[in-house]
Amino acid sequence: MNKFIKNLTLANKDIIEKRALALSEDAKAEQGVLIVEFETELRVLKRKLMDLEDLSPESKVTLKATKDAFDAKLWVRDLHATKIEIRLVEEELETAKETYEEYFGATDEKEL
């Protein structure tokens, strides 16, 4: 039987299943991309936090904090905002992973 005839005679369930599989693969890939984006954002924020917390001396006589006219108010607010942003991104990442597992982690048809 040629492919044209085979496609014409596919049962409704078979057609729906093929389309559902294609859509599922797209959605699964996008959910994976979302997770990678949150992981990347989290790494960037953690490096920013490390930079903010690094107040060590740049030399034996100079503190890094005093080198560039340290603004305590600005530093405190930036530190706080970065920590809050880290918490939010961690929550977003956790939710994205849970969603991935919920929608795409099931391999047994009974779980679906």
Protein backbone atom coordinates (compact mmCIF):
# COMPACT_ATOMS: atom_id res chain seq x y z
CA MET A 1 0.00 0.00 0.00
CA ASN A 2 1.45 3.39 -0.94
CA LYS A 3 1.76 6.22 1.55
CA PHE A 4 -1.07 8.24 -0.04
CA ILE A 5 -3.55 5.41 0.36
CA LYS A 6 -2.24 4.62 3.82
CA ASN A 7 -2.78 8.25 4.92
CA LEU A 8 -6.29 8.25 3.43
CA THR A 9 -7.22 5.15 5.37
CA LEU A 10 -5.77 6.15 8.73
CA ALA A 11 -8.28 5.96 11.52
CA ASN A 12 -9.33 9.17 13.19
CA LYS A 13 -7.52 8.10 16.37
CA ASP A 14 -4.26 7.54 14.46
CA ILE A 15 -4.40 10.99 12.89
CA ILE A 16 -5.12 12.66 16.22
CA GLU A 17 -2.32 10.70 17.87
CA LYS A 18 0.22 11.82 15.23
CA ARG A 19 -0.77 15.45 15.67
CA ALA A 20 -0.78 15.19 19.44
CA LEU A 21 2.71 13.68 19.39
CA ALA A 22 4.04 16.55 17.25
CA LEU A 23 2.45 19.16 19.54
CA SER A 24 3.72 17.39 22.63
CA GLU A 25 7.28 17.36 21.32
CA ASP A 26 7.09 21.11 20.62
CA ALA A 27 5.71 21.89 24.07
CA LYS A 28 8.23 19.61 25.79
CA ALA A 29 11.12 21.29 23.96
CA GLU A 30 9.85 24.76 24.89
CA GLN A 31 9.46 23.78 28.54
CA GLY A 32 13.06 22.54 28.44
CA VAL A 33 14.19 25.86 26.95
CA LEU A 34 12.37 27.71 29.73
CA ILE A 35 14.20 25.66 32.36
CA VAL A 36 17.57 26.37 30.73
CA GLU A 37 16.76 30.10 30.61
CA PHE A 38 15.93 30.16 34.34
CA GLU A 39 19.09 28.19 35.17
CA THR A 40 21.17 30.67 33.16
CA GLU A 41 19.49 33.66 34.80
CA LEU A 42 20.09 32.13 38.23
CA ARG A 43 23.81 31.65 37.53
CA VAL A 44 24.11 35.28 36.37
CA LEU A 45 22.36 36.53 39.51
CA LYS A 46 24.51 34.40 41.80
CA ARG A 47 27.65 35.82 40.17
CA LYS A 48 26.25 39.34 40.65
CA LEU A 49 25.63 38.55 44.32
CA MET A 50 29.21 37.30 44.68
CA ASP A 51 30.46 40.56 43.17
CA LEU A 52 28.32 42.59 45.56
CA GLU A 53 29.53 40.61 48.56
CA ASP A 54 33.19 40.88 47.57
CA LEU A 55 34.32 43.84 49.66
CA SER A 56 37.81 42.50 50.24
CA PRO A 57 40.83 44.76 49.93
CA GLU A 58 42.20 45.31 46.45
CA SER A 59 45.61 45.92 47.94
CA LYS A 60 47.15 46.02 51.39
CA VAL A 61 46.12 49.63 51.91
CA THR A 62 42.85 50.06 49.99
CA LEU A 63 39.41 48.63 50.61
CA LYS A 64 37.43 47.93 47.48
CA ALA A 65 34.36 49.56 49.03
CA THR A 66 36.10 52.92 49.51
CA LYS A 67 37.83 53.01 46.13
CA ASP A 68 34.87 54.27 44.08
CA ALA A 69 33.02 56.45 46.63
CA PHE A 70 31.05 53.62 48.21
CA ASP A 71 27.34 54.44 48.49
CA ALA A 72 25.98 52.31 51.35
CA LYS A 73 22.34 52.97 50.49
CA LEU A 74 22.80 51.97 46.86
CA TRP A 75 24.83 48.89 47.81
CA VAL A 76 22.28 47.70 50.40
CA ARG A 77 19.38 48.14 48.00
CA ASP A 78 21.22 46.42 45.14
CA LEU A 79 22.20 43.54 47.43
CA HIS A 80 18.61 43.20 48.66
CA ALA A 81 17.13 43.37 45.16
CA THR A 82 19.57 40.75 43.89
CA LYS A 83 18.74 38.36 46.74
CA ILE A 84 15.00 38.80 46.13
CA GLU A 85 15.49 38.25 42.40
CA ILE A 86 17.45 35.05 43.13
CA ARG A 87 14.58 33.76 45.28
CA LEU A 88 12.05 34.57 42.57
CA VAL A 89 14.08 32.89 39.82
CA GLU A 90 14.65 29.83 42.05
CA GLU A 91 10.88 29.59 42.51
CA GLU A 92 10.27 30.04 38.78
CA LEU A 93 12.87 27.35 38.02
CA GLU A 94 11.34 24.94 40.53
CA THR A 95 7.86 25.54 39.08
CA ALA A 96 9.14 25.06 35.52
CA LYS A 97 10.77 21.75 36.50
CA GLU A 98 7.59 20.60 38.27
CA THR A 99 5.55 21.51 35.20
CA TYR A 100 7.97 19.62 32.96
CA GLU A 101 7.65 16.53 35.14
CA GLU A 102 3.88 16.89 35.43
CA TYR A 103 3.25 17.22 31.71
CA PHE A 104 6.15 15.40 30.08
CA GLY A 105 7.70 13.13 32.70
CA ALA A 106 5.05 10.40 32.45
CA THR A 107 6.20 7.55 30.26
CA ASP A 108 3.51 5.01 31.09
CA GLU A 109 0.15 5.61 29.36
CA LYS A 110 -1.61 4.76 32.63
CA GLU A 111 -0.02 7.88 34.18
CA LEU A 112 -1.43 10.14 31.47
